[in-house]
Amino acid sequence: MNLISYLKDGHDQLAFYHKGYLYDADDMQPQLPATMSMFLNYWDDFINIAQLVHESLLKGTYTNKKGIAVDDVQILCPVPMPNSTRDGYAFREHVANARRNRNLPMIPEFDQYPVFYFTNHNSVQGPGKVICMPDHFEKLDFELEVAIVINRQCKNVPAEDADNYIAGLMIMNDLSARTLQMEEMLLNLGPAKGKDFATAFGPTLITLDSLATFEVPCHPNHVGKSWNLNMKAFVNSVQVSAGNLKDMNWTFAELIERASYGVTLYPGDIIGSGTVGTGCFLELNGTAKSKDPNFKEQWLQAGDTIILEVDALGQLVNTIDRDENSFSIRNRKK
C-alpha cells in the first residue's frame, strides 16, 4: 500500500495514493480512520480492511469514488506527529569513508552493535520548503536515508521477530547544519542543534507487503529483512549521490532490537537507517578533497532543490529557503 498524509481543513488526513490521486481512507471505507496516527495505533484492526481497499484501487473497482489530485494539496510527513524520531548509523561505507576523510581508522565498535541518536520529532515535515536560519547555512547538508515506522507497541524485541513491528518504509532527508554539529560534538554530546531544525520524510509510506518482490538476504551474520532499492540524490537536477538500501550492514530489525531493549516503542515511532554511502556533502566533499586539496566544497544554498529518489518509495522533493528575519546564535556575544 501507498499511504499519504495531507493537509485537509487544517488537519492531517490519511489517504491512499494511486496514479497521481489521493483517496481519503475513511471515505473509501468508513471503518478506516481518518489519520495515520489512529491507523498505526490500531494496526491489527485496520490493516486487512486497508489491504482490501488497496486491491480494489489497483483493480479499478472503486469507480464511484473521486480522487484528489496530489498536486492540489499540501503533502505532510506520512506520520505527521511521531512520538519519537531515532536515526541509526547502519551503513558501514558511510562511516568508513567519513572517518577516512578525517584521517581516522574505521572504528571496530561499528561491527559490534548498532547505534542511533534521537532527533527532533516536532520538526518533521514532508515535501516542500525547508526554512533555515542564518547559522544553518554554514555548511548546510542533506542526508540520503530510508526510515521505518513502528506499527505495534513493543519492548525487548529480538531481531528475529522485529520485522513484524514495521509498518512500512519511507524516504528520509536528515538535514544537517554541519558547523553547528561539529562545534557541539567537541563537547562529546550530539548531534543535536545541528539537526534540530528539520527532518523531511515521505512523500509516502509504503507498507512491507508492497515491497516483498524487492527483498534480498541481509548481510552475513545479521538478522532481518533487506531490500534491493536503489537510492539517488539530486541537487538542482544534478545527481550527486547513489547507493542501495541493501547495503545497510545493520538491519532495521537489529535497530529495533537495540532501540526496544528495556524501552517501550510505540506505534508511530520513526527509526532512520542513517546515511547511505556517498549520501551527503560532508562525505562527498571529504573524499574529493582527499584526492584534490584544491577541490571547492559544495553545500546547500538558499533556493536549492533536493530530490531524494528511492526505488518503490518515490521522490522526496524539498527546496531550501532562508529566514532573513532571524539572528545568528553563533555570533552572539556572551
Protein backbone atom coordinates (compact mmCIF):
# COMPACT_ATOMS: atom_id res chain seq x y z
CA MET A 1 0.00 0.00 0.00
CA ASN A 2 0.97 3.56 -0.70
CA LEU A 3 -0.23 5.78 2.18
CA ILE A 4 -0.04 9.57 2.37
CA SER A 5 -0.94 12.19 4.96
CA TYR A 6 -2.02 15.57 3.60
CA LEU A 7 -3.45 18.80 4.99
CA LYS A 8 -7.25 18.94 4.84
CA ASP A 9 -9.30 21.66 6.57
CA GLY A 10 -6.38 22.41 8.88
CA HIS A 11 -5.85 18.79 9.94
CA ASP A 12 -3.88 15.81 8.72
CA GLN A 13 -5.83 13.36 6.57
CA LEU A 14 -4.86 9.77 5.77
CA ALA A 15 -5.25 8.77 2.13
CA PHE A 16 -4.39 6.05 -0.33
CA TYR A 17 -2.23 7.19 -3.24
CA HIS A 18 -2.95 5.74 -6.68
CA LYS A 19 -1.86 7.02 -10.11
CA GLY A 20 -1.48 10.65 -9.10
CA TYR A 21 -4.63 10.85 -6.97
CA LEU A 22 -5.44 10.64 -3.28
CA TYR A 23 -8.40 8.74 -1.87
CA ASP A 24 -9.32 9.52 1.74
CA ALA A 25 -9.16 6.35 3.81
CA ASP A 26 -12.37 6.98 5.74
CA ASP A 27 -14.21 7.89 2.54
CA MET A 28 -13.09 4.71 0.81
CA GLN A 29 -14.14 2.59 3.77
CA PRO A 30 -15.99 4.13 6.78
CA GLN A 31 -14.40 1.55 9.08
CA LEU A 32 -10.96 3.06 8.41
CA PRO A 33 -9.63 6.01 10.44
CA ALA A 34 -9.03 9.49 9.05
CA THR A 35 -5.48 9.84 10.40
CA MET A 36 -2.23 7.91 10.19
CA SER A 37 -1.85 8.05 13.96
CA MET A 38 -5.13 6.21 14.52
CA PHE A 39 -4.29 3.72 11.76
CA LEU A 40 -0.94 2.87 13.36
CA ASN A 41 -2.31 2.68 16.89
CA TYR A 42 -4.93 0.14 15.82
CA TRP A 43 -2.89 -1.53 13.10
CA ASP A 44 -4.21 -5.06 13.60
CA ASP A 45 -7.80 -3.84 13.47
CA PHE A 46 -7.37 -1.91 10.23
CA ILE A 47 -4.62 -3.49 8.13
CA ASN A 48 -6.76 -6.18 6.46
CA ILE A 49 -9.51 -3.69 5.61
CA ALA A 50 -6.95 -1.28 4.18
CA GLN A 51 -5.41 -4.00 2.03
CA LEU A 52 -8.81 -4.78 0.52
CA VAL A 53 -9.26 -1.10 -0.35
CA HIS A 54 -5.79 -1.03 -1.88
CA GLU A 55 -6.54 -4.09 -4.00
CA SER A 56 -9.79 -2.53 -5.19
CA LEU A 57 -7.96 0.62 -6.26
CA LEU A 58 -5.49 -1.48 -8.23
CA LYS A 59 -8.35 -3.30 -9.93
CA GLY A 60 -10.29 -0.09 -10.60
CA THR A 61 -13.46 -1.26 -8.89
CA TYR A 62 -13.94 1.91 -6.81
CA THR A 63 -15.47 3.75 -9.77
CA ASN A 64 -17.83 5.78 -7.59
CA LYS A 65 -15.01 7.40 -5.60
CA LYS A 66 -13.40 10.59 -6.88
CA GLY A 67 -9.76 11.14 -6.07
CA ILE A 68 -7.98 14.41 -5.30
CA ALA A 69 -5.01 15.33 -7.49
CA VAL A 70 -1.88 15.00 -5.36
CA ASP A 71 -0.51 18.25 -6.79
CA ASP A 72 -3.52 20.17 -5.43
CA VAL A 73 -2.83 19.57 -1.75
CA GLN A 74 -0.06 20.04 0.80
CA ILE A 75 1.62 16.71 1.49
CA LEU A 76 2.76 16.20 5.08
CA CYS A 77 5.18 13.77 6.63
CA PRO A 78 3.43 10.37 6.35
CA VAL A 79 3.48 10.32 10.17
CA PRO A 80 2.76 14.00 10.89
CA MET A 81 3.22 13.80 14.66
CA PRO A 82 5.57 10.93 15.55
CA ASN A 83 6.10 10.06 19.21
CA SER A 84 9.85 9.93 18.68
CA THR A 85 12.41 10.01 15.89
CA ARG A 86 15.62 7.99 16.09
CA ASP A 87 18.29 7.86 13.41
CA GLY A 88 20.63 4.90 13.02
CA TYR A 89 24.20 4.56 11.78
CA ALA A 90 23.76 1.41 9.73
CA PHE A 91 25.81 1.86 6.53
CA ARG A 92 29.42 0.82 7.05
CA GLU A 93 30.57 2.52 3.83
CA HIS A 94 29.41 5.93 5.03
CA VAL A 95 31.08 5.53 8.42
CA ALA A 96 34.33 4.25 6.95
CA ASN A 97 34.51 7.00 4.33
CA ALA A 98 33.73 9.75 6.82
CA ARG A 99 36.41 8.52 9.23
CA ARG A 100 38.97 8.04 6.47
CA ASN A 101 38.37 11.62 5.35
CA ARG A 102 39.28 12.72 8.90
CA ASN A 103 42.40 10.52 8.88
CA LEU A 104 40.83 8.14 11.37
CA PRO A 105 40.78 4.33 11.17
CA MET A 106 37.47 2.50 10.97
CA ILE A 107 36.07 2.18 14.48
CA PRO A 108 35.76 -1.54 15.38
CA GLU A 109 32.71 -0.96 17.58
CA PHE A 110 30.64 -0.32 14.45
CA ASP A 111 30.59 -4.07 13.79
CA GLN A 112 29.75 -4.94 17.39
CA TYR A 113 26.41 -3.20 17.95
CA PRO A 114 24.07 -0.78 16.12
CA VAL A 115 23.72 2.76 17.44
CA PHE A 116 21.28 5.64 16.96
CA TYR A 117 20.61 9.14 18.20
CA PHE A 118 17.37 10.99 18.89
CA THR A 119 16.41 13.90 16.67
CA ASN A 120 13.58 16.42 16.99
CA HIS A 121 10.25 14.65 16.44
CA ASN A 122 8.48 18.02 16.48
CA SER A 123 10.35 19.33 13.44
CA VAL A 124 9.43 16.61 10.95
CA GLN A 125 7.92 17.66 7.64
CA GLY A 126 7.06 16.29 4.24
CA PRO A 127 7.94 17.60 0.80
CA GLY A 128 8.17 21.35 0.21
CA LYS A 129 10.09 24.30 1.62
CA VAL A 130 12.62 23.87 4.41
CA ILE A 131 13.03 27.15 6.33
CA CYS A 132 16.61 27.66 7.54
CA MET A 133 18.19 30.23 9.85
CA PRO A 134 21.48 32.02 9.09
CA ASP A 135 23.62 29.56 11.09
CA HIS A 136 22.15 26.61 9.22
CA PHE A 137 23.75 27.85 6.01
CA GLU A 138 27.24 27.36 7.39
CA LYS A 139 27.78 24.01 5.67
CA LEU A 140 24.14 23.03 5.20
CA ASP A 141 23.83 19.40 4.13
CA PHE A 142 21.34 16.75 3.06
CA GLU A 143 21.46 13.08 4.05
CA LEU A 144 20.01 10.35 1.83
CA GLU A 145 18.26 7.81 4.03
CA VAL A 146 15.28 5.48 4.41
CA ALA A 147 13.19 5.23 7.58
CA ILE A 148 10.74 2.75 9.07
CA VAL A 149 7.62 3.39 11.15
CA ILE A 150 6.67 1.23 14.14
CA ASN A 151 3.16 -0.26 13.92
CA ARG A 152 2.74 -2.06 17.26
CA GLN A 153 3.71 -1.28 20.83
CA CYS A 154 6.69 -3.42 21.77
CA LYS A 155 9.54 -3.84 24.23
CA ASN A 156 12.60 -6.12 24.34
CA VAL A 157 12.00 -7.37 20.82
CA PRO A 158 14.57 -9.87 19.45
CA ALA A 159 15.77 -9.07 15.95
CA GLU A 160 14.32 -12.36 14.69
CA ASP A 161 10.80 -11.03 15.41
CA ALA A 162 11.33 -7.32 14.84
CA ASP A 163 10.19 -7.06 11.21
CA ASN A 164 6.65 -7.75 12.46
CA TYR A 165 6.73 -4.31 14.09
CA ILE A 166 7.47 -2.39 10.87
CA ALA A 167 4.51 -0.68 9.20
CA GLY A 168 6.49 0.34 6.15
CA LEU A 169 9.33 2.34 4.63
CA MET A 170 9.62 5.98 3.61
CA ILE A 171 12.35 8.27 2.28
CA MET A 172 14.18 10.40 4.85
CA ASN A 173 16.26 13.56 4.40
CA ASP A 174 18.23 14.19 7.58
CA LEU A 175 19.06 17.85 7.01
CA SER A 176 22.20 18.90 8.85
CA ALA A 177 23.89 22.17 9.77
CA ARG A 178 27.44 20.83 9.86
CA THR A 179 29.19 23.77 11.54
CA LEU A 180 26.76 23.71 14.45
CA GLN A 181 27.03 19.92 14.58
CA MET A 182 30.83 19.88 14.71
CA GLU A 183 31.00 22.65 17.32
CA GLU A 184 28.67 20.93 19.78
CA MET A 185 30.21 17.50 19.27
CA LEU A 186 33.53 18.84 20.54
CA LEU A 187 31.83 18.56 23.94
CA ASN A 188 31.06 14.87 23.30
CA LEU A 189 27.33 15.43 23.01
CA GLY A 190 25.16 15.35 19.93
CA PRO A 191 24.44 15.59 17.17
CA ALA A 192 21.72 17.87 18.49
CA LYS A 193 21.31 21.53 17.46
CA GLY A 194 22.91 20.85 14.11
CA LYS A 195 20.00 18.54 13.25
CA ASP A 196 17.28 20.16 15.35
CA PHE A 197 15.59 22.34 12.75
CA ALA A 198 14.10 19.99 10.13
CA THR A 199 13.92 16.38 9.03
CA ALA A 200 11.91 15.61 5.91
CA PHE A 201 10.08 12.34 5.22
CA GLY A 202 7.85 10.95 2.51
CA PRO A 203 6.02 11.64 0.44
CA THR A 204 4.51 8.21 1.08
CA LEU A 205 4.70 5.30 3.49
CA ILE A 206 5.00 2.04 1.55
CA THR A 207 3.85 -1.00 3.53
CA LEU A 208 6.03 -4.11 3.59
CA ASP A 209 3.58 -6.23 1.58
CA SER A 210 4.19 -3.93 -1.39
CA LEU A 211 7.95 -4.38 -1.07
CA ALA A 212 8.06 -8.19 -0.96
CA THR A 213 9.45 -8.51 -4.50
CA PHE A 214 12.42 -6.31 -3.54
CA GLU A 215 13.51 -8.43 -0.56
CA VAL A 216 17.05 -9.82 -0.63
CA PRO A 217 19.17 -11.57 2.01
CA CYS A 218 20.74 -9.30 4.60
CA HIS A 219 24.49 -9.23 5.18
CA PRO A 220 26.14 -12.36 6.62
CA ASN A 221 25.84 -12.74 10.39
CA HIS A 222 22.93 -10.30 10.51
CA VAL A 223 19.20 -10.81 11.00
CA GLY A 224 16.18 -9.18 9.39
CA LYS A 225 14.68 -8.08 6.11
CA SER A 226 16.72 -6.26 3.49
CA TRP A 227 15.54 -4.64 0.27
CA ASN A 228 17.21 -4.09 -3.09
CA LEU A 229 16.21 -0.45 -3.57
CA ASN A 230 18.40 1.98 -5.49
CA MET A 231 18.85 5.33 -3.75
CA LYS A 232 19.79 8.58 -5.51
CA ALA A 233 20.14 12.24 -4.58
CA PHE A 234 19.91 15.22 -6.92
CA VAL A 235 20.67 18.87 -6.14
CA ASN A 236 19.27 21.31 -8.69
CA SER A 237 18.70 18.38 -11.09
CA VAL A 238 22.35 17.26 -10.89
CA GLN A 239 22.85 13.77 -9.45
CA VAL A 240 25.29 13.91 -6.55
CA SER A 241 24.79 10.54 -4.84
CA ALA A 242 23.89 6.91 -5.49
CA GLY A 243 23.59 3.87 -3.23
CA ASN A 244 21.32 0.97 -2.36
CA LEU A 245 19.29 0.12 0.73
CA LYS A 246 20.55 -3.47 0.63
CA ASP A 247 23.98 -2.11 1.61
CA MET A 248 22.75 -1.48 5.16
CA ASN A 249 25.03 -3.56 7.35
CA TRP A 250 22.78 -3.37 10.39
CA THR A 251 19.18 -4.18 9.53
CA PHE A 252 16.12 -2.29 10.70
CA ALA A 253 15.23 -5.40 12.71
CA GLU A 254 18.52 -5.11 14.59
CA LEU A 255 17.96 -1.39 15.14
CA ILE A 256 14.53 -2.22 16.61
CA GLU A 257 16.09 -4.83 18.90
CA ARG A 258 18.60 -2.24 20.13
CA ALA A 259 16.06 0.58 20.49
CA SER A 260 13.47 -1.58 22.28
CA TYR A 261 15.91 -3.05 24.80
CA GLY A 262 14.47 -2.00 28.16
CA VAL A 263 12.35 0.65 26.41
CA THR A 264 8.82 0.64 25.01
CA LEU A 265 8.45 1.57 21.35
CA TYR A 266 5.07 2.95 20.28
CA PRO A 267 3.09 2.99 17.03
CA GLY A 268 4.24 6.00 15.06
CA ASP A 269 7.84 5.96 16.29
CA ILE A 270 10.28 6.56 13.42
CA ILE A 271 13.71 4.94 13.03
CA GLY A 272 16.06 6.07 10.25
CA SER A 273 18.71 4.00 8.53
CA GLY A 274 21.49 6.54 8.71
CA THR A 275 23.22 7.88 5.63
CA VAL A 276 23.86 5.59 2.67
CA GLY A 277 27.44 5.58 1.37
CA THR A 278 28.08 8.81 -0.64
CA GLY A 279 24.76 10.13 0.69
CA CYS A 280 25.77 13.59 1.93
CA PHE A 281 28.04 16.50 1.00
CA LEU A 282 30.11 16.02 4.17
CA GLU A 283 31.27 12.64 2.89
CA LEU A 284 31.46 13.66 -0.79
CA ASN A 285 33.45 16.82 -0.07
CA GLY A 286 35.88 14.97 2.18
CA THR A 287 36.50 12.26 -0.38
CA ALA A 288 37.02 14.79 -3.17
CA LYS A 289 39.42 16.91 -1.08
CA SER A 290 41.49 13.86 -0.18
CA LYS A 291 42.14 13.44 -3.91
CA ASP A 292 42.44 17.15 -4.75
CA PRO A 293 43.24 19.63 -1.95
CA ASN A 294 42.00 22.46 -4.20
CA PHE A 295 38.53 20.96 -4.57
CA LYS A 296 35.83 23.53 -3.83
CA GLU A 297 33.36 22.19 -1.30
CA GLN A 298 29.66 22.16 -2.14
CA TRP A 299 26.94 22.85 0.42
CA LEU A 300 23.25 23.60 0.14
CA GLN A 301 22.27 27.20 -0.56
CA ALA A 302 19.02 29.15 -0.41
CA GLY A 303 16.94 28.29 -3.45
CA ASP A 304 18.44 24.83 -3.93
CA THR A 305 16.11 21.93 -4.64
CA ILE A 306 16.98 18.48 -3.27
CA ILE A 307 15.37 15.39 -4.74
CA LEU A 308 15.87 12.10 -2.93
CA GLU A 309 14.75 9.15 -5.04
CA VAL A 310 14.38 5.55 -3.88
CA ASP A 311 13.03 2.65 -5.94
CA ALA A 312 9.42 1.81 -4.99
CA LEU A 313 9.32 4.67 -2.45
CA GLY A 314 9.13 7.57 -4.90
CA GLN A 315 10.76 11.01 -4.73
CA LEU A 316 11.05 13.37 -1.76
CA VAL A 317 11.46 16.94 -3.04
CA ASN A 318 12.48 19.84 -0.77
CA THR A 319 13.53 23.40 -1.52
CA ILE A 320 15.78 25.40 0.79
CA ASP A 321 14.53 28.81 1.94
CA ARG A 322 16.20 31.39 4.18
CA ASP A 323 14.57 33.18 7.11
CA GLU A 324 16.01 36.66 6.69
CA ASN A 325 14.49 37.96 9.93
CA SER A 326 16.46 35.73 12.31
CA PHE A 327 19.70 36.35 14.19
CA SER A 328 22.82 34.21 14.43
CA ILE A 329 23.33 32.31 17.67
CA ARG A 330 26.98 31.68 16.73
CA ASN A 331 27.72 35.41 16.57
CA ARG A 332 26.05 36.44 19.82
CA LYS A 333 28.46 37.80 22.40
CA LYS A 334 28.44 36.27 25.86
